[in-house]
Amino acid sequence: MTQQASAKLLAILQKRRQIGLEELLLSLPEFTWNQVFCLVDELSRRRLICLQRRGFDYELRAASLPVSN
């Protein structure tokens, strides 16, 4: 995935602090579901974002932000 796509996703997280995966998909209409999933996977493996299950959805946040329960 491109650096531009990574930067856009990280900018969304900095602005929103946390966002559900489905809402993120709506925020990135120029990318397919598969492209967003691969980007989230890559950034999560690089520990730049945290992915946490919330009920039936997944929530993303920047890795430096504390987890809220």
Protein backbone atom coordinates (compact mmCIF):
# COMPACT_ATOMS: atom_id res chain seq x y z
CA MET A 1 0.00 0.00 0.00
CA THR A 2 1.24 3.50 -0.68
CA GLN A 3 2.68 5.96 1.82
CA GLN A 4 -0.06 8.36 0.78
CA ALA A 5 -2.74 5.89 1.87
CA SER A 6 -0.94 5.23 5.15
CA ALA A 7 -0.60 8.96 5.81
CA LYS A 8 -4.30 9.50 5.09
CA LEU A 9 -5.38 6.74 7.47
CA LEU A 10 -3.04 7.98 10.21
CA ALA A 11 -4.33 11.55 9.72
CA ILE A 12 -7.90 10.30 10.18
CA LEU A 13 -6.87 8.59 13.42
CA GLN A 14 -5.07 11.67 14.71
CA LYS A 15 -8.14 13.78 14.02
CA ARG A 16 -10.73 11.29 15.31
CA ARG A 17 -8.56 9.55 17.96
CA GLN A 18 -10.48 6.31 17.32
CA ILE A 19 -12.73 5.05 14.57
CA GLY A 20 -14.63 1.88 13.76
CA LEU A 21 -13.45 -0.14 10.78
CA GLU A 22 -16.76 0.29 8.95
CA GLU A 23 -16.67 4.05 9.47
CA LEU A 24 -13.06 4.12 8.27
CA LEU A 25 -14.13 2.38 5.08
CA LEU A 26 -16.69 5.14 4.50
CA SER A 27 -13.96 7.75 5.12
CA LEU A 28 -11.75 6.23 2.41
CA PRO A 29 -14.09 5.82 -0.58
CA GLU A 30 -11.21 5.80 -3.08
CA PHE A 31 -10.00 2.46 -1.68
CA THR A 32 -11.63 -0.96 -1.80
CA TRP A 33 -12.46 -2.93 1.33
CA ASN A 34 -9.54 -5.22 0.59
CA GLN A 35 -7.09 -2.32 0.21
CA VAL A 36 -8.19 -0.81 3.53
CA PHE A 37 -7.96 -4.20 5.25
CA CYS A 38 -4.41 -4.73 3.92
CA LEU A 39 -3.43 -1.23 5.01
CA VAL A 40 -4.85 -1.76 8.51
CA ASP A 41 -3.04 -5.11 8.70
CA GLU A 42 0.27 -3.55 7.63
CA LEU A 43 0.03 -0.59 10.02
CA SER A 44 -1.03 -2.86 12.87
CA ARG A 45 1.93 -5.19 12.29
CA ARG A 46 4.24 -2.15 12.27
CA ARG A 47 2.60 -1.14 15.60
CA LEU A 48 1.54 2.25 14.27
CA ILE A 49 -2.13 1.55 14.99
CA CYS A 50 -4.01 -0.66 17.42
CA LEU A 51 -6.98 -2.74 16.35
CA GLN A 52 -9.47 -3.88 18.98
CA ARG A 53 -12.70 -5.81 18.67
CA ARG A 54 -15.77 -3.94 19.94
CA GLY A 55 -18.82 -6.19 19.77
CA PHE A 56 -19.37 -6.99 16.10
CA ASP A 57 -17.04 -4.25 14.84
CA TYR A 58 -13.36 -3.42 15.11
CA GLU A 59 -12.05 -0.13 16.42
CA LEU A 60 -8.79 1.47 15.36
CA ARG A 61 -6.70 4.00 17.22
CA ALA A 62 -3.20 5.40 16.99
CA ALA A 63 -0.77 3.16 18.85
CA SER A 64 0.36 5.95 21.18
CA LEU A 65 -3.13 6.55 22.57
CA PRO A 66 -4.23 4.72 25.75
CA VAL A 67 -6.98 2.10 25.52
CA SER A 68 -10.37 3.23 26.87
CA ASN A 69 -12.62 0.58 28.34
